[in-house]
Protein backbone atom coordinates (compact mmCIF):
# COMPACT_ATOMS: atom_id res chain seq x y z
CA MET A 1 -0.02 0.00 0.03
CA GLU A 2 1.34 3.43 -0.98
CA LYS A 3 0.49 6.33 1.34
CA GLU A 4 0.95 10.08 0.66
CA ILE A 5 1.40 12.38 3.61
CA LYS A 6 1.11 16.09 2.97
CA LYS A 7 2.05 19.29 4.90
CA VAL A 8 -0.16 20.22 8.05
CA SER A 9 -0.32 23.42 10.13
CA ALA A 10 0.05 21.93 13.54
CA VAL A 11 0.15 18.70 15.68
CA LYS A 12 -2.06 18.92 18.84
CA GLY A 13 -3.71 16.67 21.40
CA VAL A 14 -3.25 13.93 23.87
CA LEU A 15 -2.19 10.32 22.71
CA ARG A 16 -1.51 7.05 24.27
CA VAL A 17 0.65 5.23 21.80
CA PRO A 18 0.63 1.42 21.65
CA SER A 19 2.26 -0.52 24.46
CA ASP A 20 5.96 -1.37 24.65
CA LYS A 21 7.08 -4.09 22.22
CA SER A 22 10.13 -5.30 24.23
CA ILE A 23 8.19 -5.69 27.37
CA SER A 24 5.20 -7.22 25.70
CA HIS A 25 7.47 -9.95 24.17
CA ARG A 26 9.16 -10.55 27.43
CA ALA A 27 5.82 -10.69 29.49
CA ILE A 28 4.74 -13.68 27.36
CA ILE A 29 8.21 -15.55 27.05
CA LEU A 30 9.16 -15.10 30.80
CA ASN A 31 5.72 -15.92 32.16
CA ALA A 32 5.58 -19.04 29.96
CA LEU A 33 8.58 -20.24 31.98
CA ALA A 34 7.01 -19.45 35.35
CA GLU A 35 4.91 -21.75 37.48
CA GLY A 36 1.31 -20.52 37.63
CA GLU A 37 -0.96 -17.84 36.17
CA SER A 38 0.05 -14.25 35.20
CA ARG A 39 -1.99 -11.52 33.87
CA ILE A 40 -0.71 -8.83 31.36
CA LYS A 41 -2.63 -5.60 30.92
CA ASN A 42 -2.22 -3.22 27.95
CA PHE A 43 -0.28 -6.00 25.87
CA LEU A 44 0.70 -4.62 22.51
CA ARG A 45 -1.28 -6.31 19.72
CA ALA A 46 1.10 -5.91 16.64
CA GLY A 47 2.53 -8.30 14.21
CA ASP A 48 5.71 -9.25 16.07
CA THR A 49 4.19 -9.53 19.62
CA LEU A 50 1.24 -11.71 18.20
CA THR A 51 3.96 -13.99 16.72
CA THR A 52 5.27 -14.60 20.15
CA ILE A 53 1.93 -15.66 21.45
CA THR A 54 1.52 -18.13 18.56
CA VAL A 55 5.03 -19.56 19.16
CA TYR A 56 4.52 -20.15 22.88
CA LYS A 57 1.15 -21.74 22.25
CA LYS A 58 2.93 -24.21 19.87
CA LEU A 59 5.30 -24.79 22.77
CA GLY A 60 2.47 -26.03 24.88
CA VAL A 61 1.77 -22.83 26.89
CA LYS A 62 -1.92 -22.00 27.48
CA ILE A 63 -2.44 -18.31 26.76
CA GLU A 64 -5.78 -16.85 26.69
CA GLU A 65 -7.60 -13.45 26.62
CA GLU A 66 -10.40 -12.22 28.94
CA ASN A 67 -11.77 -8.62 28.98
CA GLY A 68 -8.76 -7.37 27.12
CA ILE A 69 -6.24 -8.99 29.60
CA ILE A 70 -3.87 -11.74 28.41
CA LYS A 71 -3.56 -14.70 30.81
CA VAL A 72 -0.61 -16.95 30.70
CA ILE A 73 -0.40 -20.26 32.42
CA GLY A 74 3.19 -20.99 32.84
CA LYS A 75 4.72 -24.43 32.38
CA GLY A 76 7.92 -23.98 34.48
CA LEU A 77 11.52 -23.66 33.28
CA LYS A 78 11.63 -27.25 31.84
CA GLY A 79 7.95 -27.72 31.16
CA LEU A 80 7.66 -26.65 27.43
CA SER A 81 6.61 -29.26 24.85
CA GLU A 82 8.17 -30.26 21.52
CA PRO A 83 6.32 -28.44 18.79
CA ASP A 84 4.71 -30.63 16.12
CA ASP A 85 5.64 -28.23 13.30
CA ILE A 86 8.30 -25.74 12.35
CA LEU A 87 7.93 -22.50 14.48
CA ASP A 88 7.28 -19.51 12.18
CA MET A 89 8.96 -16.36 13.69
CA GLY A 90 7.42 -14.07 11.11
CA ASN A 91 9.40 -10.86 11.09
CA SER A 92 10.24 -10.83 14.78
CA GLY A 93 14.02 -10.93 15.57
CA THR A 94 13.25 -10.53 19.21
CA THR A 95 11.01 -13.69 19.43
CA THR A 96 13.62 -15.59 17.37
CA ARG A 97 16.64 -14.76 19.49
CA LEU A 98 14.96 -14.87 22.93
CA THR A 99 13.40 -18.17 22.02
CA LEU A 100 16.79 -19.76 20.87
CA GLY A 101 17.91 -19.04 24.51
CA VAL A 102 14.76 -20.71 25.91
CA LEU A 103 15.07 -23.76 23.74
CA ALA A 104 18.88 -24.30 24.32
CA GLY A 105 18.17 -26.14 27.66
CA GLN A 106 14.88 -27.86 26.83
CA ASN A 107 14.96 -31.71 26.20
CA PHE A 108 13.31 -31.72 22.83
CA PHE A 109 13.93 -30.74 19.20
CA ALA A 110 12.62 -27.63 17.44
CA SER A 111 12.99 -25.89 14.01
CA LEU A 112 12.57 -22.12 13.49
CA THR A 113 12.02 -20.05 10.36
CA GLY A 114 10.81 -16.67 9.47
CA ASP A 115 9.79 -14.34 6.70
CA GLU A 116 12.22 -13.30 3.85
CA SER A 117 13.51 -10.42 5.80
CA LEU A 118 14.18 -12.38 8.96
CA ARG A 119 15.85 -15.14 7.10
CA LYS A 120 18.52 -12.59 6.15
CA ARG A 121 19.25 -11.36 9.63
CA PRO A 122 22.14 -12.56 11.74
CA MET A 123 21.50 -15.31 14.29
CA GLY A 124 25.18 -16.43 14.81
CA ARG A 125 25.55 -13.62 17.46
CA VAL A 126 23.12 -15.62 19.66
CA ALA A 127 23.68 -19.14 18.19
CA ASN A 128 27.42 -19.22 18.82
CA PRO A 129 27.49 -18.37 22.53
CA LEU A 130 24.53 -20.80 23.04
CA ARG A 131 26.61 -23.41 21.41
CA GLU A 132 29.58 -22.67 23.72
CA MET A 133 26.99 -23.43 26.57
CA GLY A 134 26.40 -26.70 24.96
CA ALA A 135 23.26 -26.20 23.03
CA LYS A 136 23.01 -28.10 19.67
CA ILE A 137 21.95 -25.48 16.99
CA ASP A 138 22.32 -26.06 13.30
CA GLY A 139 21.21 -24.02 10.22
CA ARG A 140 21.99 -22.29 6.92
CA LYS A 141 25.55 -20.62 6.45
CA GLY A 142 27.02 -22.78 9.29
CA GLY A 143 24.12 -21.94 11.63
CA GLU A 144 24.25 -18.30 10.97
CA LEU A 145 20.84 -17.92 9.43
CA LEU A 146 17.35 -19.10 9.64
CA PRO A 147 15.89 -21.75 9.25
CA LEU A 148 17.65 -23.18 12.35
CA SER A 149 17.21 -26.26 14.31
CA VAL A 150 17.76 -26.62 18.08
CA ARG A 151 18.11 -29.81 19.99
CA GLY A 152 17.93 -29.01 23.75
CA ALA A 153 20.87 -30.21 25.82
CA ASN A 154 22.27 -30.03 29.38
CA THR A 155 23.83 -26.61 29.14
CA LYS A 156 26.62 -25.03 31.18
CA GLY A 157 27.00 -21.33 32.14
CA ILE A 158 29.62 -19.29 30.34
CA ASN A 159 31.27 -15.74 30.67
CA PHE A 160 30.39 -13.66 27.71
CA PHE A 161 31.55 -10.24 26.58
CA ASN A 162 28.58 -8.83 24.64
CA LYS A 163 30.67 -6.24 22.67
CA LYS A 164 27.75 -4.86 20.58
CA ALA A 165 25.67 -4.30 23.70
CA SER A 166 22.92 -6.18 22.22
CA ALA A 167 19.82 -6.67 24.62
CA GLN A 168 18.64 -9.57 22.56
CA VAL A 169 21.94 -11.44 22.78
CA LYS A 170 22.05 -10.73 26.60
CA SER A 171 18.49 -11.85 27.16
CA ALA A 172 18.93 -15.12 25.21
CA LEU A 173 21.87 -16.03 27.35
CA LEU A 174 20.27 -15.11 30.47
CA LEU A 175 17.24 -17.31 29.59
CA ALA A 176 19.58 -20.17 28.67
CA GLY A 177 21.42 -19.45 31.98
CA LEU A 178 18.21 -20.18 34.00
CA ASN A 179 18.47 -23.91 32.94
CA SER A 180 22.31 -24.15 32.91
CA GLU A 181 24.69 -25.66 35.35
CA GLY A 182 26.75 -23.05 37.30
CA GLU A 183 26.70 -19.38 36.57
CA THR A 184 26.16 -17.49 33.28
CA VAL A 185 27.76 -13.93 33.16
CA VAL A 186 27.22 -11.33 30.45
CA VAL A 187 29.48 -8.30 30.42
CA GLU A 188 28.69 -5.27 28.25
CA PRO A 189 30.82 -2.17 27.36
CA PHE A 190 27.70 -0.16 28.07
CA LYS A 191 24.30 -1.18 29.32
CA SER A 192 21.72 -2.33 26.76
CA ARG A 193 18.10 -2.30 27.57
CA ASP A 194 17.54 -4.26 30.83
CA HIS A 195 13.97 -5.50 30.77
CA THR A 196 14.81 -9.06 30.91
CA GLU A 197 16.94 -8.77 34.01
CA LYS A 198 14.45 -6.46 35.81
CA MET A 199 11.61 -8.91 35.03
CA LEU A 200 13.68 -12.03 36.16
CA SER A 201 14.65 -10.52 39.39
CA LYS A 202 11.04 -9.68 40.14
CA MET A 203 10.18 -13.35 39.39
CA GLY A 204 12.68 -14.61 41.86
CA ALA A 205 15.66 -15.62 39.54
CA LYS A 206 19.14 -15.57 41.13
CA ILE A 207 20.38 -12.52 39.33
CA GLU A 208 23.15 -10.11 40.19
CA ILE A 209 23.93 -6.87 38.44
CA LYS A 210 27.14 -4.79 38.69
CA GLU A 211 27.24 -1.25 37.21
CA GLY A 212 30.62 0.41 36.74
CA GLU A 213 32.86 1.02 33.78
CA GLN A 214 31.30 -1.97 32.30
CA TYR A 215 27.89 -3.44 32.99
CA THR A 216 27.75 -6.99 34.33
CA VAL A 217 24.69 -9.28 34.88
CA SER A 218 24.90 -12.91 35.96
CA VAL A 219 22.32 -15.58 36.54
CA GLN A 220 22.58 -18.90 38.45
CA GLN A 221 20.74 -22.10 37.57
CA THR A 222 17.27 -21.43 38.84
CA GLU A 223 14.65 -23.86 40.21
CA LYS A 224 11.56 -21.88 39.43
CA LEU A 225 10.24 -18.51 38.37
CA ASN A 226 7.19 -16.95 39.93
CA PRO A 227 4.62 -15.48 37.66
CA VAL A 228 4.44 -11.77 37.56
CA ASP A 229 1.45 -9.56 36.60
CA ILE A 230 2.48 -6.83 34.18
CA ASP A 231 0.82 -3.50 33.06
CA VAL A 232 2.69 -2.75 29.92
CA PRO A 233 3.65 1.00 29.51
CA ALA A 234 3.55 2.97 26.20
CA ASP A 235 6.26 2.18 23.85
CA PRO A 236 9.00 5.04 23.65
CA SER A 237 9.99 3.91 20.17
CA SER A 238 6.40 4.53 18.95
CA ALA A 239 6.06 7.68 20.93
CA ALA A 240 9.27 9.00 19.26
CA PHE A 241 7.51 9.59 15.92
CA PHE A 242 4.85 11.80 17.50
CA VAL A 243 7.40 13.68 19.72
CA ALA A 244 9.28 14.33 16.44
CA ALA A 245 6.19 15.53 14.72
CA ALA A 246 5.41 18.05 17.49
CA VAL A 247 9.13 19.32 17.52
CA LEU A 248 9.07 19.91 13.74
CA VAL A 249 5.55 21.28 12.92
CA PRO A 250 4.99 24.90 13.80
CA ASN A 251 2.21 25.69 16.44
CA SER A 252 2.39 22.11 17.89
CA HIS A 253 1.69 20.93 21.43
CA LEU A 254 1.30 17.35 22.22
CA ILE A 255 1.10 15.20 25.40
CA LEU A 256 2.02 11.47 25.17
CA LYS A 257 0.61 9.48 28.15
CA ASP A 258 2.17 6.58 30.09
CA VAL A 259 5.50 6.25 28.13
CA LEU A 260 8.29 4.07 29.36
CA VAL A 261 11.31 6.26 30.13
CA ASN A 262 13.71 3.55 31.33
CA PRO A 263 17.16 5.19 30.98
CA THR A 264 18.13 2.39 28.57
CA ARG A 265 15.38 3.33 26.24
CA ASP A 266 14.86 7.08 26.34
CA GLY A 267 18.17 8.18 24.53
CA PHE A 268 16.17 9.67 21.59
CA PHE A 269 14.29 12.10 24.01
CA ARG A 270 17.52 12.98 25.69
CA LYS A 271 19.24 13.74 22.46
CA LEU A 272 16.38 15.89 21.21
CA LYS A 273 16.66 17.89 24.45
CA GLU A 274 20.47 18.29 23.60
CA MET A 275 19.31 19.61 20.33
CA GLY A 276 17.19 22.25 22.07
CA ALA A 277 13.86 20.65 21.78
CA LYS A 278 11.04 21.69 24.06
CA ILE A 279 10.35 18.31 25.81
CA GLN A 280 9.56 17.47 29.45
CA TYR A 281 8.71 14.50 31.52
CA THR A 282 5.61 15.00 33.73
CA ASN A 283 3.80 12.64 36.21
CA ILE A 284 6.92 10.47 36.60
CA ARG A 285 6.07 7.19 38.38
CA GLU A 286 7.13 3.54 38.67
CA VAL A 287 5.04 0.76 37.08
CA ALA A 288 6.16 -2.89 37.54
CA GLY A 289 9.75 -1.75 38.26
CA GLU A 290 9.90 0.44 35.21
CA LYS A 291 10.06 4.31 35.11
CA VAL A 292 7.05 5.73 33.31
CA ALA A 293 6.08 9.34 32.52
CA ASP A 294 3.85 11.53 30.42
CA ILE A 295 5.84 13.51 27.80
CA GLU A 296 4.84 17.03 26.86
CA VAL A 297 6.37 18.26 23.74
CA GLU A 298 6.07 21.60 21.71
CA TYR A 299 7.34 23.04 18.45
CA SER A 300 10.96 23.80 18.66
CA PRO A 301 12.20 26.14 15.86
CA SER A 302 15.82 26.52 17.18
CA LEU A 303 17.31 22.93 16.98
CA LYS A 304 21.10 22.64 16.84
CA ALA A 305 22.93 19.78 15.20
CA ILE A 306 24.52 17.10 17.54
CA THR A 307 26.84 14.14 17.31
CA VAL A 308 25.58 10.69 18.23
CA ASP A 309 28.48 8.39 19.39
CA ARG A 310 28.67 4.53 19.77
CA GLU A 311 27.87 4.65 23.47
CA ASP A 312 24.55 6.54 22.61
CA ILE A 313 23.29 3.84 20.28
CA PRO A 314 21.89 1.15 22.65
CA SER A 315 19.45 3.50 24.25
CA MET A 316 18.16 4.81 20.94
CA VAL A 317 18.97 2.05 18.21
CA ASP A 318 15.37 1.97 16.91
CA GLU A 319 15.01 5.75 16.84
CA ILE A 320 17.96 6.53 14.49
CA PRO A 321 15.75 6.85 11.39
CA ILE A 322 13.50 9.42 13.11
CA LEU A 323 16.40 11.27 14.74
CA ALA A 324 17.80 11.64 11.17
CA VAL A 325 14.45 13.06 10.06
CA VAL A 326 14.56 15.66 12.89
CA SER A 327 18.29 16.37 12.09
CA THR A 328 17.13 17.86 8.63
CA GLN A 329 15.79 20.85 10.52
CA ALA A 330 18.66 21.34 12.93
CA GLU A 331 21.36 24.12 12.52
CA GLY A 332 24.62 22.51 11.39
CA GLU A 333 25.64 19.01 10.51
CA THR A 334 24.41 16.04 12.59
CA ILE A 335 26.81 13.15 12.72
CA ILE A 336 25.68 9.66 13.82
CA LYS A 337 28.50 7.11 14.30
CA GLY A 338 28.93 3.58 15.72
CA ALA A 339 25.60 2.50 14.51
CA GLU A 340 26.60 -0.34 12.11
CA GLU A 341 23.96 -2.59 13.78
CA LEU A 342 21.39 -0.58 11.68
CA ARG A 343 22.69 -2.39 8.46
CA VAL A 344 21.18 -5.65 9.79
CA LYS A 345 17.67 -4.54 10.94
CA GLU A 346 14.44 -5.22 8.86
CA SER A 347 16.30 -3.24 6.06
CA ASP A 348 19.79 -1.63 5.99
CA ARG A 349 18.53 1.40 7.78
CA ILE A 350 21.57 3.43 7.08
CA LYS A 351 21.33 3.06 3.34
CA ALA A 352 17.46 3.33 3.45
CA VAL A 353 17.54 6.66 5.47
CA VAL A 354 20.17 8.35 3.34
CA GLU A 355 18.75 7.31 -0.02
CA ASN A 356 15.21 8.42 1.01
CA LEU A 357 16.45 11.74 2.28
CA ARG A 358 18.09 12.36 -0.97
CA LYS A 359 14.97 11.49 -2.88
CA VAL A 360 13.14 14.42 -1.03
CA GLY A 361 15.91 16.87 -1.66
CA ILE A 362 17.92 16.51 1.56
CA GLU A 363 21.78 16.50 1.61
CA ALA A 364 22.82 13.38 3.38
CA GLU A 365 26.06 11.15 3.38
CA GLU A 366 26.33 7.46 4.16
CA LEU A 367 29.05 6.31 6.48
CA ASN A 368 30.13 2.73 7.03
CA ASP A 369 28.81 2.97 10.62
CA GLY A 370 26.36 5.89 10.35
CA MET A 371 25.48 9.12 8.47
CA VAL A 372 25.98 12.85 8.15
CA ILE A 373 22.87 15.10 7.73
CA LYS A 374 23.03 18.66 6.70
CA GLY A 375 20.60 20.61 8.68
CA LYS A 376 18.08 23.45 8.21
CA GLN A 377 17.18 22.18 4.78
CA PRO A 378 13.59 22.66 2.97
CA VAL A 379 12.05 19.34 2.35
CA LYS A 380 10.76 19.28 -1.24
CA GLY A 381 8.82 16.13 -1.13
CA GLY A 382 8.67 13.01 -3.56
CA VAL A 383 8.52 9.21 -3.52
CA VAL A 384 10.35 7.18 -0.98
CA ASP A 385 10.71 3.39 -0.44
CA SER A 386 9.94 1.92 3.09
CA TYR A 387 11.92 -1.20 2.09
CA LYS A 388 9.03 -2.87 3.97
CA ASP A 389 10.69 -1.57 7.21
CA HIS A 390 8.03 -0.21 9.64
CA ARG A 391 10.52 2.35 11.25
CA ILE A 392 11.51 3.70 7.71
CA ALA A 393 7.79 4.12 6.82
CA MET A 394 6.86 5.95 9.96
CA ALA A 395 9.99 8.23 9.95
CA PHE A 396 9.28 9.38 6.43
CA SER A 397 5.51 9.86 7.17
CA ILE A 398 6.63 12.46 9.77
CA LEU A 399 8.92 14.21 7.47
CA GLY A 400 6.03 14.41 5.02
CA LEU A 401 4.22 16.68 7.51
CA ILE A 402 6.70 19.47 6.86
CA SER A 403 7.19 18.78 3.13
CA GLU A 404 6.51 21.32 0.38
CA ASP A 405 4.87 18.83 -2.05
CA GLY A 406 4.00 15.85 0.20
CA ILE A 407 5.88 12.57 0.51
CA ARG A 408 4.58 9.31 -0.91
CA ILE A 409 5.65 6.24 0.84
CA LYS A 410 5.91 2.78 -0.87
CA ASP A 411 4.66 -0.25 1.19
CA ALA A 412 3.65 2.08 4.06
CA ASP A 413 1.40 -0.64 5.57
CA CYS A 414 4.50 -2.37 7.02
CA ALA A 415 3.98 -0.03 9.93
CA TYR A 416 1.63 -2.74 11.28
CA ILE A 417 4.61 -4.71 12.46
CA SER A 418 4.99 -2.47 15.57
CA TYR A 419 2.18 0.11 15.40
CA PRO A 420 -1.06 -1.10 13.72
CA GLU A 421 -2.90 2.30 14.41
CA PHE A 422 -0.12 4.54 13.29
CA TYR A 423 -1.91 6.34 10.43
CA GLU A 424 -5.16 6.51 12.34
CA HIS A 425 -3.40 8.17 15.35
CA LEU A 426 -1.68 10.64 12.84
CA GLN A 427 -4.98 11.68 11.60
CA GLN A 428 -6.19 12.28 15.10
CA VAL A 429 -3.48 14.71 16.10
CA VAL A 430 -2.73 16.63 12.83
CA VAL A 431 -4.36 19.97 12.07
CA ARG A 432 -4.73 20.74 8.45
């Protein structure tokens, strides 16, 4: 589906964007391994998270819905069942990588595949350390790519340096560590999103965290997890698009409700403040061990260019495309470095962003590990390609709001993957 987004005169209102994708995935996966019933409120219903529910049902977990609340009847750490068919992971890298960790220590065989995009994404970063723990994982390209097969084994804990600070790798190893002899230790050069360890410690896992120059989390073999009820806050990655819209469109004022502002996830909002954007957190509170706030944002005409370095990336990895869009209206040159991880997302996001910016008349340069964007440029408009990547489609939809001739986005319906109501919500807050 092609979508055209035209210039608007303001963005105004109050919005609660969909719930957090990372926490929704983990609420299902971790509670599936607990003993007993958990209840999940405000679960995100999107392509990826619904894939997680389907996969865990196929692994023998009873998951049902009642009055909008998801109930998960956990089977225990070793209680999952061998699936009778190949597990289809759709487009979800999170479901795949975390489930590889779960399956490593089960005593059965499973095969995993995914859609065309997911079958190109690197799985060796998880499969290799799991093999070190004793898991038997095989697949295409020497076990680097889906489809993969896993034959569960008696795994042993390892010490692993997570040099890319990938939360999915860390989570997979911690989940495998729950069923592994001894201790599993993951060390990161800087802290990646920490929802898995927060949730596991609430569920009674033997977890220890050390924060210093490096971030270290360790887990001991665990006998059982207690189920935990979760009210999922709003997704900061989804909120980012509307925050950007209000910053860029004159006369705008927007309030985004119940947004997760965990410090490992709110890097985008912090960087916008550094650029001079008018953003503030109000009604700050804690929900299920996570920091949550309402975000109030206004049109910000005096943005300044910034530099994004490697250590900034983990807390805003999904928001780089929309940060690039905001940078087009900042005084000076914005430089993004240390983001080579973006080349292996749903699309090569570095290439996709730079090519699309050029298509709408913006000067931008591609780096091996990032990009340089020249600021304070008028946005002419034109046709861009989403590359079937939800974050590219949504980022260029926001740029369309300040374009002279409108922006047409190919395959814009891929936004469903993380934000099914994106275009509906956009209609609610724009003023023509």
